[in-house]
């Protein structure tokens, strides 16, 4: 599954799969317990494929950040936990994305990225990232 169907819903823990649209919003299913919920258009919802991380020069798509983590960890869970110290998390993120913008990327953002990566890894949803990242690079080079 691509990140186009994976959602983060404000106020709700974890990640969700988009199931279907309704008149007043959509139905999503939790990745962790497979419970379905109805989400109204008034909820703050982010599609993971639309999220990017600020660097000093550009915005890097979350797919690329996940791919960097996957390469660093040799396809395994992260070596740090979201509850580790601020310094540990920042040092880890510098290894993953060396030029990330410290003023605009907060520790809470780093924690979310690590949590999301581990959750996607746990449910084997990171396998499709490589092709998507390579396709994006080809499109960028053609432009």
N, C-alpha and C. Protein backbone atom coordinates (compact mmCIF):
# COMPACT_ATOMS: atom_id res chain seq x y z
N UNK A 1 0.85 -1.18 0.00
CA UNK A 1 0.00 0.00 0.00
C UNK A 1 0.90 1.25 0.00
N UNK A 2 0.55 2.23 -0.80
CA UNK A 2 1.33 3.46 -0.84
C UNK A 2 0.89 4.39 0.29
N UNK A 3 1.68 5.42 0.50
CA UNK A 3 1.36 6.38 1.56
C UNK A 3 0.17 7.26 1.19
N UNK A 4 -0.32 7.15 -0.04
CA UNK A 4 -1.48 7.93 -0.47
C UNK A 4 -2.75 7.54 0.27
N UNK A 5 -2.79 6.35 0.83
CA UNK A 5 -3.99 5.86 1.53
C UNK A 5 -3.77 5.78 3.04
N UNK A 6 -2.62 6.27 3.53
CA UNK A 6 -2.33 6.21 4.96
C UNK A 6 -2.52 7.61 5.55
N UNK A 7 -3.29 7.66 6.65
CA UNK A 7 -3.68 8.94 7.24
C UNK A 7 -3.22 9.07 8.68
N UNK A 8 -2.98 10.29 9.07
CA UNK A 8 -2.79 10.64 10.46
C UNK A 8 -3.96 11.57 10.81
N UNK A 9 -4.70 11.22 11.85
CA UNK A 9 -5.87 11.99 12.24
C UNK A 9 -5.58 12.69 13.56
N UNK A 10 -5.69 14.00 13.56
CA UNK A 10 -5.43 14.78 14.76
C UNK A 10 -6.32 14.33 15.91
N UNK A 11 -5.72 14.13 17.07
CA UNK A 11 -6.48 13.72 18.24
C UNK A 11 -6.66 12.22 18.36
N UNK A 12 -6.22 11.47 17.36
CA UNK A 12 -6.34 10.01 17.38
C UNK A 12 -4.93 9.40 17.29
N UNK A 13 -4.63 8.44 18.14
CA UNK A 13 -3.29 7.84 18.10
C UNK A 13 -3.14 6.91 16.90
N UNK A 14 -1.91 6.75 16.45
CA UNK A 14 -1.63 5.79 15.38
C UNK A 14 -1.94 6.30 13.99
N UNK A 15 -1.92 5.37 13.05
CA UNK A 15 -2.18 5.67 11.65
C UNK A 15 -3.40 4.91 11.18
N UNK A 16 -4.02 5.40 10.11
CA UNK A 16 -5.25 4.83 9.59
C UNK A 16 -5.17 4.64 8.09
N UNK A 17 -5.88 3.63 7.58
CA UNK A 17 -6.02 3.40 6.14
C UNK A 17 -7.33 4.04 5.70
N UNK A 18 -7.29 4.73 4.58
CA UNK A 18 -8.50 5.29 3.99
C UNK A 18 -9.28 4.14 3.36
N UNK A 19 -10.54 3.97 3.77
CA UNK A 19 -11.37 2.90 3.23
C UNK A 19 -12.28 3.43 2.13
N UNK A 20 -13.09 4.44 2.45
CA UNK A 20 -14.01 4.99 1.46
C UNK A 20 -14.44 6.40 1.86
N UNK A 21 -14.89 7.16 0.89
CA UNK A 21 -15.40 8.49 1.17
C UNK A 21 -16.90 8.42 1.41
N UNK A 22 -17.37 9.35 2.25
CA UNK A 22 -18.80 9.47 2.51
C UNK A 22 -19.20 10.91 2.20
N UNK A 23 -20.49 11.20 2.35
CA UNK A 23 -20.94 12.58 2.07
C UNK A 23 -20.28 13.58 3.01
N UNK A 24 -20.16 13.22 4.28
CA UNK A 24 -19.65 14.18 5.26
C UNK A 24 -18.22 13.93 5.68
N UNK A 25 -17.49 13.12 4.95
CA UNK A 25 -16.11 12.83 5.30
C UNK A 25 -15.65 11.53 4.70
N UNK A 26 -15.19 10.60 5.54
CA UNK A 26 -14.74 9.31 5.04
C UNK A 26 -14.67 8.30 6.17
N UNK A 27 -14.46 7.05 5.80
CA UNK A 27 -14.30 5.95 6.75
C UNK A 27 -12.83 5.54 6.72
N UNK A 28 -12.24 5.40 7.90
CA UNK A 28 -10.84 5.00 8.02
C UNK A 28 -10.74 3.80 8.94
N UNK A 29 -9.71 2.99 8.71
CA UNK A 29 -9.49 1.80 9.53
C UNK A 29 -8.13 1.90 10.21
N UNK A 30 -8.08 1.68 11.51
CA UNK A 30 -6.85 1.74 12.28
C UNK A 30 -5.90 0.63 11.83
N UNK A 31 -4.61 0.96 11.70
CA UNK A 31 -3.64 -0.06 11.35
C UNK A 31 -3.39 -1.01 12.51
N UNK A 32 -3.54 -0.51 13.74
CA UNK A 32 -3.21 -1.32 14.90
C UNK A 32 -4.29 -2.33 15.28
N UNK A 33 -5.55 -1.90 15.32
CA UNK A 33 -6.59 -2.81 15.79
C UNK A 33 -7.70 -3.07 14.75
N UNK A 34 -7.54 -2.54 13.54
CA UNK A 34 -8.49 -2.74 12.43
C UNK A 34 -9.90 -2.23 12.72
N UNK A 35 -10.06 -1.36 13.70
CA UNK A 35 -11.38 -0.78 13.97
C UNK A 35 -11.63 0.34 12.97
N UNK A 36 -12.85 0.40 12.49
CA UNK A 36 -13.22 1.44 11.53
C UNK A 36 -13.87 2.60 12.26
N UNK A 37 -13.54 3.81 11.81
CA UNK A 37 -14.14 5.00 12.38
C UNK A 37 -14.62 5.89 11.25
N UNK A 38 -15.62 6.69 11.56
CA UNK A 38 -16.11 7.68 10.62
C UNK A 38 -15.44 9.01 10.97
N UNK A 39 -14.87 9.65 9.98
CA UNK A 39 -14.15 10.91 10.20
C UNK A 39 -14.84 12.00 9.40
N UNK A 40 -15.19 13.08 10.09
CA UNK A 40 -15.86 14.18 9.38
C UNK A 40 -14.82 15.09 8.73
N UNK A 41 -15.29 15.92 7.83
CA UNK A 41 -14.39 16.84 7.13
C UNK A 41 -13.85 17.91 8.08
N UNK A 42 -14.44 18.03 9.26
CA UNK A 42 -13.97 19.03 10.22
C UNK A 42 -12.73 18.58 10.98
N UNK A 43 -12.42 17.27 10.96
CA UNK A 43 -11.22 16.77 11.61
C UNK A 43 -9.99 17.19 10.82
N UNK A 44 -8.90 17.40 11.54
CA UNK A 44 -7.63 17.71 10.89
C UNK A 44 -6.96 16.40 10.50
N UNK A 45 -6.89 16.12 9.21
CA UNK A 45 -6.36 14.87 8.69
C UNK A 45 -5.19 15.16 7.76
N UNK A 46 -4.13 14.36 7.90
CA UNK A 46 -2.97 14.50 7.01
C UNK A 46 -2.73 13.19 6.29
N UNK A 47 -2.55 13.26 4.99
CA UNK A 47 -2.19 12.10 4.19
C UNK A 47 -0.67 12.04 4.20
N UNK A 48 -0.09 10.89 4.56
CA UNK A 48 1.36 10.81 4.71
C UNK A 48 2.12 11.17 3.43
N UNK A 49 1.54 10.88 2.28
CA UNK A 49 2.23 11.18 1.02
C UNK A 49 2.35 12.69 0.77
N UNK A 50 1.56 13.48 1.49
CA UNK A 50 1.58 14.94 1.31
C UNK A 50 2.47 15.65 2.32
N UNK A 51 3.04 14.91 3.27
CA UNK A 51 3.87 15.51 4.32
C UNK A 51 5.31 15.58 3.85
N UNK A 52 5.97 16.68 4.19
CA UNK A 52 7.39 16.85 3.86
C UNK A 52 8.10 17.42 5.09
N UNK A 53 9.40 17.19 5.15
CA UNK A 53 10.23 17.67 6.25
C UNK A 53 11.09 18.82 5.72
N UNK A 54 11.12 19.91 6.48
CA UNK A 54 11.93 21.06 6.08
C UNK A 54 13.42 20.77 6.23
N UNK A 55 14.17 21.14 5.19
CA UNK A 55 15.63 21.14 5.30
C UNK A 55 16.08 22.57 5.05
N UNK A 56 17.38 22.80 5.10
CA UNK A 56 17.88 24.16 4.89
C UNK A 56 17.74 24.62 3.45
N UNK A 57 17.58 23.66 2.52
CA UNK A 57 17.50 24.03 1.11
C UNK A 57 16.15 23.75 0.45
N UNK A 58 15.44 22.72 0.94
CA UNK A 58 14.19 22.32 0.29
C UNK A 58 13.31 21.58 1.29
N UNK A 59 12.18 21.09 0.80
CA UNK A 59 11.32 20.22 1.59
C UNK A 59 11.48 18.80 1.06
N UNK A 60 11.79 17.87 1.95
CA UNK A 60 12.00 16.48 1.57
C UNK A 60 10.74 15.69 1.88
N UNK A 61 10.19 14.97 0.88
CA UNK A 61 8.97 14.19 1.13
C UNK A 61 9.19 13.13 2.22
N UNK A 62 8.15 12.86 2.97
CA UNK A 62 8.22 11.89 4.06
C UNK A 62 8.64 10.51 3.54
N UNK A 63 8.23 10.18 2.30
CA UNK A 63 8.65 8.89 1.69
C UNK A 63 10.17 8.78 1.69
N UNK A 64 10.84 9.86 1.29
CA UNK A 64 12.30 9.84 1.22
C UNK A 64 12.91 9.72 2.61
N UNK A 65 12.32 10.39 3.61
CA UNK A 65 12.82 10.29 4.98
C UNK A 65 12.67 8.84 5.47
N UNK A 66 11.52 8.22 5.20
CA UNK A 66 11.32 6.82 5.58
C UNK A 66 12.33 5.92 4.89
N UNK A 67 12.60 6.20 3.62
CA UNK A 67 13.58 5.40 2.88
C UNK A 67 14.98 5.56 3.50
N UNK A 68 15.32 6.79 3.90
CA UNK A 68 16.61 7.03 4.55
C UNK A 68 16.72 6.26 5.86
N UNK A 69 15.63 6.24 6.64
CA UNK A 69 15.62 5.50 7.90
C UNK A 69 15.76 4.01 7.60
N UNK A 70 15.03 3.53 6.61
CA UNK A 70 15.07 2.11 6.25
C UNK A 70 16.49 1.69 5.85
N UNK A 71 17.18 2.55 5.08
CA UNK A 71 18.55 2.26 4.69
C UNK A 71 19.49 2.29 5.89
N UNK A 72 19.31 3.26 6.77
CA UNK A 72 20.15 3.38 7.96
C UNK A 72 19.99 2.17 8.87
N UNK A 73 18.77 1.67 8.99
CA UNK A 73 18.46 0.57 9.91
C UNK A 73 18.50 -0.80 9.22
N UNK A 74 18.92 -0.84 7.96
CA UNK A 74 18.95 -2.09 7.19
C UNK A 74 17.59 -2.79 7.17
N UNK A 75 16.53 -1.99 7.02
CA UNK A 75 15.19 -2.55 6.91
C UNK A 75 14.55 -2.98 8.22
N UNK A 76 15.16 -2.61 9.34
CA UNK A 76 14.62 -3.00 10.65
C UNK A 76 13.97 -1.81 11.34
N UNK A 77 13.41 -2.06 12.54
CA UNK A 77 12.85 -0.97 13.36
C UNK A 77 13.95 0.02 13.71
N UNK A 78 13.57 1.22 14.11
CA UNK A 78 14.56 2.23 14.46
C UNK A 78 15.32 1.82 15.71
N UNK A 79 16.58 2.26 15.78
CA UNK A 79 17.42 1.95 16.94
C UNK A 79 17.14 2.89 18.11
N UNK A 80 16.38 3.95 17.86
CA UNK A 80 15.97 4.85 18.93
C UNK A 80 14.45 4.73 19.12
N UNK A 81 14.01 5.12 20.28
CA UNK A 81 12.58 5.10 20.58
C UNK A 81 12.05 6.53 20.65
N UNK A 82 10.78 6.73 20.34
CA UNK A 82 10.22 8.08 20.41
C UNK A 82 10.33 8.71 21.80
N UNK A 83 10.48 7.89 22.82
CA UNK A 83 10.57 8.41 24.19
C UNK A 83 11.99 8.69 24.63
N UNK A 84 12.98 8.51 23.74
CA UNK A 84 14.36 8.81 24.08
C UNK A 84 14.54 10.31 24.27
N UNK A 85 15.69 10.70 24.77
CA UNK A 85 15.94 12.12 25.08
C UNK A 85 15.97 12.96 23.81
N UNK A 86 15.77 14.24 24.01
CA UNK A 86 15.76 15.21 22.90
C UNK A 86 17.07 15.13 22.11
N UNK A 87 18.20 15.09 22.83
CA UNK A 87 19.51 15.06 22.17
C UNK A 87 19.70 13.78 21.35
N UNK A 88 19.24 12.65 21.88
CA UNK A 88 19.36 11.38 21.17
C UNK A 88 18.54 11.41 19.89
N UNK A 89 17.31 11.91 19.99
CA UNK A 89 16.44 11.98 18.81
C UNK A 89 17.00 12.91 17.75
N UNK A 90 17.50 14.08 18.17
CA UNK A 90 18.06 15.03 17.20
C UNK A 90 19.30 14.46 16.53
N UNK A 91 20.17 13.80 17.29
CA UNK A 91 21.38 13.19 16.72
C UNK A 91 21.00 12.12 15.71
N UNK A 92 20.01 11.31 16.04
CA UNK A 92 19.54 10.26 15.13
C UNK A 92 18.99 10.89 13.84
N UNK A 93 18.19 11.94 13.98
CA UNK A 93 17.58 12.55 12.81
C UNK A 93 18.63 13.23 11.93
N UNK A 94 19.71 13.76 12.55
CA UNK A 94 20.80 14.32 11.75
C UNK A 94 21.46 13.25 10.91
N UNK A 95 21.53 12.02 11.42
CA UNK A 95 22.09 10.92 10.63
C UNK A 95 21.18 10.58 9.45
N UNK A 96 19.87 10.68 9.68
CA UNK A 96 18.89 10.33 8.65
C UNK A 96 18.77 11.45 7.61
N UNK A 97 18.71 12.68 8.07
CA UNK A 97 18.51 13.84 7.21
C UNK A 97 19.45 14.94 7.68
N UNK A 98 20.70 14.93 7.22
CA UNK A 98 21.75 15.80 7.77
C UNK A 98 21.45 17.29 7.74
N UNK A 99 20.70 17.77 6.78
CA UNK A 99 20.48 19.22 6.70
C UNK A 99 19.07 19.63 7.07
N UNK A 100 18.41 18.85 7.96
CA UNK A 100 17.05 19.26 8.35
C UNK A 100 17.11 20.57 9.12
N UNK A 101 16.07 21.36 9.00
CA UNK A 101 16.00 22.68 9.61
C UNK A 101 15.59 22.56 11.07
N UNK A 102 16.55 22.77 11.97
CA UNK A 102 16.31 22.60 13.41
C UNK A 102 15.27 23.59 13.96
N UNK A 103 15.16 24.74 13.31
CA UNK A 103 14.21 25.75 13.80
C UNK A 103 12.77 25.44 13.42
N UNK A 104 12.58 24.69 12.34
CA UNK A 104 11.22 24.41 11.87
C UNK A 104 10.78 22.97 12.08
N UNK A 105 11.72 22.08 12.38
CA UNK A 105 11.40 20.67 12.67
C UNK A 105 11.62 20.46 14.16
N UNK A 106 10.53 20.26 14.88
CA UNK A 106 10.58 20.13 16.33
C UNK A 106 10.81 18.68 16.74
N UNK A 107 11.18 18.49 18.00
CA UNK A 107 11.39 17.14 18.52
C UNK A 107 10.09 16.34 18.43
N UNK A 108 8.95 16.99 18.63
CA UNK A 108 7.66 16.29 18.51
C UNK A 108 7.46 15.77 17.09
N UNK A 109 7.95 16.50 16.09
CA UNK A 109 7.87 16.03 14.69
C UNK A 109 8.76 14.80 14.49
N UNK A 110 9.95 14.84 15.06
CA UNK A 110 10.88 13.70 14.95
C UNK A 110 10.25 12.47 15.60
N UNK A 111 9.63 12.65 16.76
CA UNK A 111 8.97 11.54 17.46
C UNK A 111 7.89 10.92 16.57
N UNK A 112 7.09 11.77 15.93
CA UNK A 112 6.02 11.27 15.05
C UNK A 112 6.60 10.47 13.89
N UNK A 113 7.64 11.00 13.27
CA UNK A 113 8.25 10.31 12.12
C UNK A 113 8.75 8.94 12.56
N UNK A 114 9.40 8.86 13.71
CA UNK A 114 9.91 7.58 14.21
C UNK A 114 8.77 6.63 14.54
N UNK A 115 7.73 7.14 15.20
CA UNK A 115 6.56 6.30 15.52
C UNK A 115 5.91 5.78 14.24
N UNK A 116 5.72 6.66 13.27
CA UNK A 116 5.08 6.27 12.01
C UNK A 116 5.92 5.24 11.28
N UNK A 117 7.23 5.47 11.22
CA UNK A 117 8.11 4.52 10.54
C UNK A 117 7.99 3.14 11.19
N UNK A 118 8.08 3.10 12.52
CA UNK A 118 8.01 1.81 13.23
C UNK A 118 6.66 1.12 13.03
N UNK A 119 5.59 1.92 13.00
CA UNK A 119 4.26 1.35 12.78
C UNK A 119 4.14 0.79 11.36
N UNK A 120 4.59 1.54 10.39
CA UNK A 120 4.55 1.06 9.00
C UNK A 120 5.44 -0.16 8.82
N UNK A 121 6.58 -0.17 9.49
CA UNK A 121 7.49 -1.33 9.43
C UNK A 121 6.81 -2.56 10.03
N UNK A 122 6.17 -2.37 11.17
CA UNK A 122 5.51 -3.48 11.86
C UNK A 122 4.45 -4.14 10.98
N UNK A 123 3.77 -3.36 10.15
CA UNK A 123 2.71 -3.89 9.29
C UNK A 123 3.17 -4.08 7.85
N UNK A 124 4.49 -4.14 7.65
CA UNK A 124 5.08 -4.41 6.32
C UNK A 124 4.55 -3.47 5.24
N UNK A 125 4.46 -2.20 5.55
CA UNK A 125 3.93 -1.24 4.58
C UNK A 125 5.03 -0.35 4.00
N UNK A 126 6.29 -0.68 4.26
CA UNK A 126 7.40 0.13 3.75
C UNK A 126 7.98 -0.44 2.45
N UNK A 127 7.52 -1.60 2.04
CA UNK A 127 8.09 -2.25 0.87
C UNK A 127 7.87 -1.46 -0.42
N UNK A 128 6.76 -0.78 -0.56
CA UNK A 128 6.46 -0.04 -1.77
C UNK A 128 7.14 1.31 -1.86
N UNK A 129 7.86 1.71 -0.83
CA UNK A 129 8.47 3.04 -0.84
C UNK A 129 9.57 3.17 -1.87
N UNK A 130 10.40 2.15 -2.03
CA UNK A 130 11.56 2.24 -2.92
C UNK A 130 11.15 2.59 -4.34
N UNK A 131 10.14 1.91 -4.85
CA UNK A 131 9.71 2.20 -6.22
C UNK A 131 9.18 3.63 -6.33
N UNK A 132 8.40 4.05 -5.34
CA UNK A 132 7.82 5.39 -5.37
C UNK A 132 8.89 6.46 -5.31
N UNK A 133 9.91 6.26 -4.49
CA UNK A 133 11.00 7.24 -4.37
C UNK A 133 11.77 7.30 -5.68
N UNK A 134 12.06 6.14 -6.28
CA UNK A 134 12.80 6.12 -7.54
C UNK A 134 11.99 6.75 -8.66
N UNK A 135 10.68 6.53 -8.69
CA UNK A 135 9.82 7.16 -9.70
C UNK A 135 9.85 8.68 -9.55
N UNK A 136 9.82 9.16 -8.31
CA UNK A 136 9.85 10.60 -8.07
C UNK A 136 11.16 11.20 -8.54
N UNK A 137 12.27 10.49 -8.33
CA UNK A 137 13.57 10.99 -8.78
C UNK A 137 13.62 11.08 -10.31
N UNK A 138 13.08 10.10 -11.00
CA UNK A 138 13.06 10.10 -12.45
C UNK A 138 12.24 11.30 -12.96
N UNK A 139 11.10 11.54 -12.36
CA UNK A 139 10.25 12.66 -12.76
C UNK A 139 10.98 13.98 -12.53
N UNK A 140 11.66 14.12 -11.37
CA UNK A 140 12.39 15.35 -11.08
C UNK A 140 13.52 15.57 -12.09
N UNK A 141 14.23 14.52 -12.47
CA UNK A 141 15.32 14.65 -13.42
C UNK A 141 14.82 15.04 -14.80
N UNK A 142 13.62 14.57 -15.17
CA UNK A 142 13.07 14.88 -16.49
C UNK A 142 12.65 16.34 -16.56
N UNK A 143 12.24 16.90 -15.44
CA UNK A 143 11.80 18.30 -15.44
C UNK A 143 13.00 19.18 -15.49
